[in-house]
Amino acid sequence: MQKEQIFKMQESLNKLLHQIENHQQSKAPILELNALIDAVANQEKLEFRSKTLESLEGLIAAICDPLGLGKLNLMLKNAKVPPKYYDIFYEMLASESCGGGGHLKPLCIDCGVHAGLISDLMLYCGARVMSFEPNIYLNFFINNIFLDWV
C-alpha cells in the first residue's frame, strides 16, 4: 500500500466518522471507502500474480536446465542473493563447466551456515566449501544435508 492510498483512506474514514458523529446517512463516504479498499485489493492481487508468474518461470527454467543457469538462477533467488552478486556465481559455474581453466577450485568459507543455501550454491558452482554452524541443532541437519560432500 502506498502512502498516497493511506492518506486517501484516512480522509475517507474521517468523512465516515464525521457522518456517524453527526447522525447523517449519506452513502457517499461508504462507497468511497469501498472503492479505495477494492483498489488496494486489486493492486495486491496483481502484485501476487506477477510474483507467482516470476517464480513459475524460474521453476520452468530450472526444470529445463537442471545442470546450468536455470537451476543456478533459481538457487540464487531462493537464497535471496542480491542480483549485483550473481556474476560471482556465474563466473564460478562457467569456470567449472569449462574444466576450471587449470586453476584450483575456489575455496569458500561459510560461517553461520543456517539452512545451507549459500554453501549449496557454492558447491553447485564447483567451489571447495568450508562451512561452520555453531548452533548444535542446525548443525545436525546441515551434516545430513551435506553428507555426500564431506
N, C-alpha and C. Protein backbone atom coordinates (compact mmCIF):
# COMPACT_ATOMS: atom_id res chain seq x y z
N MET A 1 0.85 -1.17 0.00
CA MET A 1 0.00 0.00 0.00
C MET A 1 0.90 1.24 0.00
N GLN A 2 0.57 2.18 -0.86
CA GLN A 2 1.37 3.39 -0.98
C GLN A 2 0.88 4.46 -0.01
N LYS A 3 1.78 5.41 0.25
CA LYS A 3 1.49 6.48 1.20
C LYS A 3 0.25 7.28 0.77
N GLU A 4 0.15 7.54 -0.52
CA GLU A 4 -0.99 8.31 -1.05
C GLU A 4 -2.31 7.58 -0.79
N GLN A 5 -2.30 6.26 -0.97
CA GLN A 5 -3.50 5.47 -0.73
C GLN A 5 -3.90 5.50 0.75
N ILE A 6 -2.91 5.47 1.62
CA ILE A 6 -3.18 5.53 3.05
C ILE A 6 -3.83 6.85 3.42
N PHE A 7 -3.31 7.96 2.86
CA PHE A 7 -3.88 9.27 3.15
C PHE A 7 -5.31 9.37 2.63
N LYS A 8 -5.57 8.84 1.44
CA LYS A 8 -6.93 8.87 0.89
C LYS A 8 -7.88 8.05 1.77
N MET A 9 -7.38 6.89 2.22
CA MET A 9 -8.21 6.05 3.07
C MET A 9 -8.47 6.73 4.42
N GLN A 10 -7.47 7.40 4.96
CA GLN A 10 -7.63 8.12 6.22
C GLN A 10 -8.65 9.25 6.05
N GLU A 11 -8.58 9.95 4.94
CA GLU A 11 -9.53 11.04 4.67
C GLU A 11 -10.95 10.48 4.53
N SER A 12 -11.07 9.36 3.85
CA SER A 12 -12.38 8.74 3.67
C SER A 12 -12.94 8.25 5.01
N LEU A 13 -12.10 7.69 5.85
CA LEU A 13 -12.54 7.25 7.18
C LEU A 13 -12.95 8.44 8.05
N ASN A 14 -12.24 9.56 7.93
CA ASN A 14 -12.61 10.77 8.67
C ASN A 14 -13.99 11.28 8.23
N LYS A 15 -14.26 11.22 6.93
CA LYS A 15 -15.58 11.63 6.42
C LYS A 15 -16.66 10.72 6.99
N LEU A 16 -16.37 9.43 7.02
CA LEU A 16 -17.33 8.48 7.54
C LEU A 16 -17.55 8.70 9.04
N LEU A 17 -16.50 8.96 9.78
CA LEU A 17 -16.60 9.25 11.21
C LEU A 17 -17.42 10.51 11.45
N HIS A 18 -17.17 11.54 10.64
CA HIS A 18 -17.94 12.78 10.75
C HIS A 18 -19.43 12.50 10.52
N GLN A 19 -19.70 11.68 9.53
CA GLN A 19 -21.09 11.34 9.22
C GLN A 19 -21.73 10.60 10.39
N ILE A 20 -21.03 9.68 10.99
CA ILE A 20 -21.58 8.91 12.13
C ILE A 20 -21.83 9.83 13.32
N GLU A 21 -20.84 10.68 13.61
CA GLU A 21 -20.96 11.59 14.76
C GLU A 21 -22.12 12.56 14.60
N ASN A 22 -22.43 12.96 13.37
CA ASN A 22 -23.49 13.92 13.10
C ASN A 22 -24.80 13.26 12.69
N HIS A 23 -24.87 11.96 12.84
CA HIS A 23 -26.10 11.19 12.56
C HIS A 23 -26.60 11.43 11.14
N GLN A 24 -25.66 11.44 10.20
CA GLN A 24 -26.03 11.61 8.80
C GLN A 24 -26.09 10.22 8.14
N GLN A 25 -26.80 10.14 7.03
CA GLN A 25 -26.96 8.83 6.39
C GLN A 25 -26.65 8.88 4.90
N SER A 26 -25.57 9.49 4.53
CA SER A 26 -25.16 9.55 3.12
C SER A 26 -24.33 8.31 2.78
N LYS A 27 -24.56 7.76 1.60
CA LYS A 27 -23.81 6.58 1.17
C LYS A 27 -22.47 6.94 0.54
N ALA A 28 -22.26 8.20 0.22
CA ALA A 28 -21.04 8.61 -0.49
C ALA A 28 -19.75 8.22 0.25
N PRO A 29 -19.60 8.51 1.53
CA PRO A 29 -18.35 8.12 2.21
C PRO A 29 -18.12 6.60 2.25
N ILE A 30 -19.21 5.86 2.39
CA ILE A 30 -19.09 4.40 2.42
C ILE A 30 -18.67 3.87 1.05
N LEU A 31 -19.28 4.40 -0.01
CA LEU A 31 -18.92 3.99 -1.36
C LEU A 31 -17.47 4.37 -1.69
N GLU A 32 -17.07 5.55 -1.24
CA GLU A 32 -15.69 6.00 -1.47
C GLU A 32 -14.70 5.07 -0.76
N LEU A 33 -15.00 4.72 0.47
CA LEU A 33 -14.13 3.82 1.23
C LEU A 33 -14.09 2.44 0.59
N ASN A 34 -15.22 1.93 0.16
CA ASN A 34 -15.27 0.63 -0.53
C ASN A 34 -14.43 0.64 -1.80
N ALA A 35 -14.51 1.73 -2.55
CA ALA A 35 -13.72 1.84 -3.79
C ALA A 35 -12.22 1.83 -3.49
N LEU A 36 -11.82 2.53 -2.43
CA LEU A 36 -10.40 2.55 -2.04
C LEU A 36 -9.93 1.16 -1.61
N ILE A 37 -10.74 0.48 -0.83
CA ILE A 37 -10.38 -0.88 -0.38
C ILE A 37 -10.28 -1.82 -1.58
N ASP A 38 -11.21 -1.72 -2.53
CA ASP A 38 -11.16 -2.56 -3.73
C ASP A 38 -9.92 -2.27 -4.56
N ALA A 39 -9.54 -1.00 -4.67
CA ALA A 39 -8.35 -0.63 -5.45
C ALA A 39 -7.09 -1.24 -4.84
N VAL A 40 -6.99 -1.17 -3.51
CA VAL A 40 -5.83 -1.76 -2.83
C VAL A 40 -5.82 -3.27 -3.01
N ALA A 41 -6.97 -3.91 -2.87
CA ALA A 41 -7.06 -5.37 -3.02
C ALA A 41 -6.67 -5.80 -4.43
N ASN A 42 -7.13 -5.06 -5.44
CA ASN A 42 -6.80 -5.39 -6.83
C ASN A 42 -5.30 -5.23 -7.10
N GLN A 43 -4.72 -4.18 -6.52
CA GLN A 43 -3.28 -3.96 -6.71
C GLN A 43 -2.49 -5.10 -6.07
N GLU A 44 -2.90 -5.53 -4.88
CA GLU A 44 -2.19 -6.62 -4.21
C GLU A 44 -2.36 -7.93 -4.97
N LYS A 45 -3.54 -8.16 -5.55
CA LYS A 45 -3.75 -9.37 -6.36
C LYS A 45 -2.83 -9.36 -7.58
N LEU A 46 -2.69 -8.20 -8.21
CA LEU A 46 -1.82 -8.06 -9.38
C LEU A 46 -0.37 -8.32 -9.00
N GLU A 47 0.08 -7.77 -7.88
CA GLU A 47 1.46 -7.99 -7.43
C GLU A 47 1.68 -9.47 -7.11
N PHE A 48 0.72 -10.10 -6.44
CA PHE A 48 0.84 -11.52 -6.12
C PHE A 48 0.92 -12.35 -7.40
N ARG A 49 0.08 -12.01 -8.37
CA ARG A 49 0.06 -12.74 -9.64
C ARG A 49 1.39 -12.61 -10.37
N SER A 50 1.95 -11.40 -10.41
CA SER A 50 3.21 -11.21 -11.12
C SER A 50 4.36 -11.93 -10.41
N LYS A 51 4.35 -11.94 -9.06
CA LYS A 51 5.39 -12.67 -8.32
C LYS A 51 5.26 -14.17 -8.54
N THR A 52 4.01 -14.66 -8.61
CA THR A 52 3.78 -16.08 -8.84
C THR A 52 4.27 -16.47 -10.23
N LEU A 53 3.97 -15.66 -11.24
CA LEU A 53 4.42 -15.95 -12.60
C LEU A 53 5.94 -15.93 -12.69
N GLU A 54 6.57 -14.99 -12.00
CA GLU A 54 8.03 -14.91 -11.99
C GLU A 54 8.63 -16.17 -11.35
N SER A 55 8.03 -16.63 -10.27
CA SER A 55 8.51 -17.84 -9.62
C SER A 55 8.32 -19.07 -10.51
N LEU A 56 7.19 -19.14 -11.20
CA LEU A 56 6.96 -20.26 -12.11
C LEU A 56 7.95 -20.27 -13.26
N GLU A 57 8.30 -19.09 -13.77
CA GLU A 57 9.30 -19.01 -14.83
C GLU A 57 10.64 -19.54 -14.34
N GLY A 58 11.00 -19.22 -13.09
CA GLY A 58 12.24 -19.73 -12.52
C GLY A 58 12.22 -21.23 -12.38
N LEU A 59 11.08 -21.78 -11.94
CA LEU A 59 10.96 -23.24 -11.80
C LEU A 59 11.05 -23.94 -13.16
N ILE A 60 10.40 -23.37 -14.16
CA ILE A 60 10.44 -23.95 -15.50
C ILE A 60 11.87 -23.94 -16.03
N ALA A 61 12.58 -22.83 -15.82
CA ALA A 61 13.97 -22.74 -16.29
C ALA A 61 14.84 -23.77 -15.58
N ALA A 62 14.61 -23.98 -14.29
CA ALA A 62 15.40 -24.96 -13.53
C ALA A 62 15.11 -26.38 -13.99
N ILE A 63 13.85 -26.66 -14.32
CA ILE A 63 13.49 -27.99 -14.81
C ILE A 63 14.11 -28.25 -16.18
N CYS A 64 14.07 -27.23 -17.04
CA CYS A 64 14.60 -27.37 -18.39
C CYS A 64 16.13 -27.38 -18.42
N ASP A 65 16.76 -26.74 -17.44
CA ASP A 65 18.22 -26.64 -17.42
C ASP A 65 18.74 -26.99 -16.03
N PRO A 66 18.63 -28.28 -15.64
CA PRO A 66 18.99 -28.66 -14.27
C PRO A 66 20.49 -28.62 -13.96
N LEU A 67 21.32 -28.52 -14.97
CA LEU A 67 22.77 -28.52 -14.74
C LEU A 67 23.42 -27.19 -15.09
N GLY A 68 22.63 -26.18 -15.37
CA GLY A 68 23.21 -24.92 -15.82
C GLY A 68 22.61 -23.71 -15.14
N LEU A 69 22.41 -22.66 -15.94
CA LEU A 69 21.95 -21.38 -15.41
C LEU A 69 20.53 -21.41 -14.88
N GLY A 70 19.68 -22.25 -15.44
CA GLY A 70 18.30 -22.32 -14.96
C GLY A 70 18.25 -22.68 -13.49
N LYS A 71 18.96 -23.74 -13.12
CA LYS A 71 18.98 -24.15 -11.72
C LYS A 71 19.72 -23.12 -10.87
N LEU A 72 20.83 -22.60 -11.38
CA LEU A 72 21.60 -21.62 -10.62
C LEU A 72 20.76 -20.38 -10.31
N ASN A 73 20.04 -19.87 -11.29
CA ASN A 73 19.20 -18.69 -11.06
C ASN A 73 18.13 -18.95 -10.01
N LEU A 74 17.54 -20.14 -10.03
CA LEU A 74 16.54 -20.50 -9.03
C LEU A 74 17.18 -20.58 -7.65
N MET A 75 18.37 -21.15 -7.57
CA MET A 75 19.07 -21.26 -6.28
C MET A 75 19.44 -19.87 -5.75
N LEU A 76 19.88 -18.98 -6.65
CA LEU A 76 20.23 -17.62 -6.24
C LEU A 76 19.00 -16.89 -5.70
N LYS A 77 17.88 -17.04 -6.38
CA LYS A 77 16.65 -16.38 -5.93
C LYS A 77 16.19 -16.96 -4.59
N ASN A 78 16.27 -18.27 -4.45
CA ASN A 78 15.85 -18.93 -3.21
C ASN A 78 16.71 -18.50 -2.03
N ALA A 79 18.00 -18.29 -2.27
CA ALA A 79 18.92 -17.87 -1.21
C ALA A 79 18.87 -16.36 -0.98
N LYS A 80 18.07 -15.66 -1.78
CA LYS A 80 17.91 -14.21 -1.67
C LYS A 80 19.24 -13.47 -1.82
N VAL A 81 20.04 -13.93 -2.78
CA VAL A 81 21.31 -13.27 -3.10
C VAL A 81 20.96 -12.03 -3.94
N PRO A 82 21.48 -10.86 -3.57
CA PRO A 82 21.20 -9.66 -4.37
C PRO A 82 21.75 -9.82 -5.79
N PRO A 83 20.99 -9.40 -6.80
CA PRO A 83 21.41 -9.59 -8.20
C PRO A 83 22.79 -9.03 -8.53
N LYS A 84 23.25 -8.02 -7.79
CA LYS A 84 24.57 -7.46 -8.11
C LYS A 84 25.69 -8.46 -7.83
N TYR A 85 25.42 -9.55 -7.08
CA TYR A 85 26.43 -10.56 -6.79
C TYR A 85 26.30 -11.81 -7.65
N TYR A 86 25.34 -11.84 -8.57
CA TYR A 86 25.14 -13.03 -9.40
C TYR A 86 26.39 -13.38 -10.20
N ASP A 87 27.12 -12.36 -10.66
CA ASP A 87 28.30 -12.59 -11.51
C ASP A 87 29.33 -13.48 -10.83
N ILE A 88 29.46 -13.38 -9.52
CA ILE A 88 30.41 -14.21 -8.79
C ILE A 88 30.08 -15.68 -9.02
N PHE A 89 28.81 -16.02 -8.91
CA PHE A 89 28.40 -17.41 -9.05
C PHE A 89 28.42 -17.84 -10.52
N TYR A 90 28.05 -16.93 -11.44
CA TYR A 90 28.12 -17.25 -12.86
C TYR A 90 29.55 -17.57 -13.27
N GLU A 91 30.48 -16.77 -12.78
CA GLU A 91 31.89 -16.98 -13.12
C GLU A 91 32.40 -18.31 -12.57
N MET A 92 32.03 -18.64 -11.33
CA MET A 92 32.45 -19.92 -10.76
C MET A 92 31.86 -21.08 -11.56
N LEU A 93 30.58 -20.99 -11.93
CA LEU A 93 29.94 -22.06 -12.69
C LEU A 93 30.57 -22.20 -14.07
N ALA A 94 30.84 -21.06 -14.73
CA ALA A 94 31.44 -21.10 -16.06
C ALA A 94 32.83 -21.72 -16.01
N SER A 95 33.61 -21.36 -15.02
CA SER A 95 34.96 -21.90 -14.93
C SER A 95 34.91 -23.39 -14.62
N GLU A 96 33.94 -23.84 -13.83
CA GLU A 96 33.77 -25.26 -13.52
C GLU A 96 33.31 -26.01 -14.77
N SER A 97 32.39 -25.42 -15.53
CA SER A 97 31.85 -26.06 -16.72
C SER A 97 32.90 -26.19 -17.82
N CYS A 98 33.84 -25.27 -17.83
CA CYS A 98 34.88 -25.26 -18.86
C CYS A 98 36.14 -25.98 -18.40
N GLY A 99 36.05 -26.80 -17.38
CA GLY A 99 37.20 -27.56 -16.92
C GLY A 99 38.05 -26.82 -15.92
N GLY A 100 37.62 -25.68 -15.47
CA GLY A 100 38.35 -24.96 -14.43
C GLY A 100 39.53 -24.16 -14.93
N GLY A 101 39.91 -24.30 -16.17
CA GLY A 101 40.99 -23.50 -16.72
C GLY A 101 42.35 -23.79 -16.09
N GLY A 102 42.51 -24.97 -15.49
CA GLY A 102 43.80 -25.33 -14.91
C GLY A 102 44.05 -24.71 -13.55
N HIS A 103 43.11 -23.95 -13.04
CA HIS A 103 43.26 -23.32 -11.73
C HIS A 103 42.65 -24.20 -10.65
N LEU A 104 43.07 -23.96 -9.43
CA LEU A 104 42.43 -24.63 -8.31
C LEU A 104 41.00 -24.13 -8.17
N LYS A 105 40.16 -25.00 -7.69
CA LYS A 105 38.78 -24.57 -7.43
C LYS A 105 38.81 -23.53 -6.32
N PRO A 106 37.93 -22.55 -6.40
CA PRO A 106 37.91 -21.53 -5.34
C PRO A 106 37.55 -22.16 -3.99
N LEU A 107 38.14 -21.64 -2.94
CA LEU A 107 37.82 -22.08 -1.59
C LEU A 107 36.91 -21.03 -0.97
N CYS A 108 35.73 -21.45 -0.56
CA CYS A 108 34.76 -20.54 0.04
C CYS A 108 34.51 -20.96 1.48
N ILE A 109 34.40 -19.99 2.35
CA ILE A 109 34.14 -20.26 3.76
C ILE A 109 32.78 -19.67 4.12
N ASP A 110 31.91 -20.50 4.64
CA ASP A 110 30.57 -20.08 5.04
C ASP A 110 30.46 -20.22 6.55
N CYS A 111 30.57 -19.10 7.24
CA CYS A 111 30.47 -19.09 8.71
C CYS A 111 29.04 -18.76 9.10
N GLY A 112 28.40 -19.65 9.80
CA GLY A 112 27.00 -19.46 10.16
C GLY A 112 26.13 -19.95 9.03
N VAL A 113 26.19 -21.24 8.74
CA VAL A 113 25.55 -21.85 7.58
C VAL A 113 24.03 -21.71 7.59
N HIS A 114 23.43 -21.77 8.75
CA HIS A 114 21.99 -21.75 8.94
C HIS A 114 21.34 -22.88 8.14
N ALA A 115 20.66 -22.58 7.03
CA ALA A 115 19.98 -23.62 6.25
C ALA A 115 20.88 -24.21 5.17
N GLY A 116 22.04 -23.63 4.93
CA GLY A 116 22.98 -24.17 3.95
C GLY A 116 22.74 -23.73 2.53
N LEU A 117 21.93 -22.71 2.31
CA LEU A 117 21.62 -22.28 0.94
C LEU A 117 22.85 -21.75 0.21
N ILE A 118 23.68 -20.95 0.89
CA ILE A 118 24.86 -20.38 0.24
C ILE A 118 25.91 -21.46 0.02
N SER A 119 26.10 -22.33 1.01
CA SER A 119 27.05 -23.44 0.83
C SER A 119 26.62 -24.31 -0.35
N ASP A 120 25.34 -24.57 -0.45
CA ASP A 120 24.82 -25.37 -1.56
C ASP A 120 25.09 -24.69 -2.90
N LEU A 121 24.90 -23.38 -2.95
CA LEU A 121 25.19 -22.62 -4.16
C LEU A 121 26.66 -22.75 -4.55
N MET A 122 27.54 -22.58 -3.58
CA MET A 122 28.97 -22.61 -3.88
C MET A 122 29.40 -24.02 -4.32
N LEU A 123 28.85 -25.05 -3.69
CA LEU A 123 29.15 -26.42 -4.11
C LEU A 123 28.64 -26.68 -5.52
N TYR A 124 27.45 -26.19 -5.84
CA TYR A 124 26.88 -26.36 -7.17
C TYR A 124 27.77 -25.71 -8.23
N CYS A 125 28.39 -24.59 -7.87
CA CYS A 125 29.26 -23.87 -8.81
C CYS A 125 30.67 -24.45 -8.86
N GLY A 126 30.93 -25.51 -8.10
CA GLY A 126 32.21 -26.19 -8.20
C GLY A 126 33.26 -25.75 -7.21
N ALA A 127 32.90 -24.98 -6.22
CA ALA A 127 33.87 -24.49 -5.24
C ALA A 127 34.11 -25.54 -4.16
N ARG A 128 35.26 -25.41 -3.50
CA ARG A 128 35.51 -26.17 -2.28
C ARG A 128 34.93 -25.31 -1.16
N VAL A 129 34.20 -25.93 -0.25
CA VAL A 129 33.49 -25.16 0.77
C VAL A 129 33.84 -25.65 2.17
N MET A 130 34.16 -24.71 3.04
CA MET A 130 34.32 -24.99 4.46
C MET A 130 33.16 -24.28 5.15
N SER A 131 32.29 -25.05 5.78
CA SER A 131 31.10 -24.48 6.41
C SER A 131 31.16 -24.70 7.91
N PHE A 132 30.72 -23.69 8.64
CA PHE A 132 30.67 -23.76 10.10
C PHE A 132 29.30 -23.32 10.58
N GLU A 133 28.74 -24.09 11.49
CA GLU A 133 27.46 -23.72 12.09
C GLU A 133 27.56 -23.96 13.59
N PRO A 134 27.56 -22.89 14.40
CA PRO A 134 27.70 -23.05 15.85
C PRO A 134 26.44 -23.59 16.55
N ASN A 135 25.29 -23.45 15.93
CA ASN A 135 24.04 -23.94 16.53
C ASN A 135 24.01 -25.46 16.41
N ILE A 136 24.06 -26.16 17.54
CA ILE A 136 24.16 -27.63 17.51
C ILE A 136 22.93 -28.28 16.88
N TYR A 137 21.78 -27.65 17.01
CA TYR A 137 20.56 -28.23 16.44
C TYR A 137 20.57 -28.12 14.92
N LEU A 138 20.96 -26.95 14.41
CA LEU A 138 21.07 -26.78 12.96
C LEU A 138 22.21 -27.62 12.41
N ASN A 139 23.28 -27.73 13.18
CA ASN A 139 24.45 -28.47 12.75
C ASN A 139 24.09 -29.92 12.42
N PHE A 140 23.22 -30.52 13.21
CA PHE A 140 22.78 -31.89 12.95
C PHE A 140 22.15 -32.00 11.56
N PHE A 141 21.25 -31.08 11.22
CA PHE A 141 20.58 -31.12 9.91
C PHE A 141 21.54 -30.82 8.77
N ILE A 142 22.43 -29.86 8.99
CA ILE A 142 23.39 -29.49 7.95
C ILE A 142 24.30 -30.68 7.64
N ASN A 143 24.75 -31.39 8.69
CA ASN A 143 25.60 -32.57 8.46
C ASN A 143 24.88 -33.60 7.61
N ASN A 144 23.58 -33.77 7.81
CA ASN A 144 22.82 -34.73 7.00
C ASN A 144 22.63 -34.24 5.57
N ILE A 145 22.44 -32.95 5.40
CA ILE A 145 22.24 -32.40 4.06
C ILE A 145 23.49 -32.55 3.21
N PHE A 146 24.64 -32.27 3.79
CA PHE A 146 25.88 -32.25 3.04
C PHE A 146 26.72 -33.52 3.27
N LEU A 147 26.09 -34.61 3.69
CA LEU A 147 26.79 -35.85 3.97
C LEU A 147 27.58 -36.35 2.76
N ASP A 148 27.03 -36.21 1.56
CA ASP A 148 27.71 -36.68 0.35
C ASP A 148 28.90 -35.82 -0.05
N TRP A 149 28.99 -34.60 0.47
CA TRP A 149 30.06 -33.69 0.10
C TRP A 149 31.26 -33.75 1.05
N VAL A 150 31.10 -34.44 2.17
CA VAL A 150 32.18 -34.47 3.17
C VAL A 150 33.26 -35.42 2.73
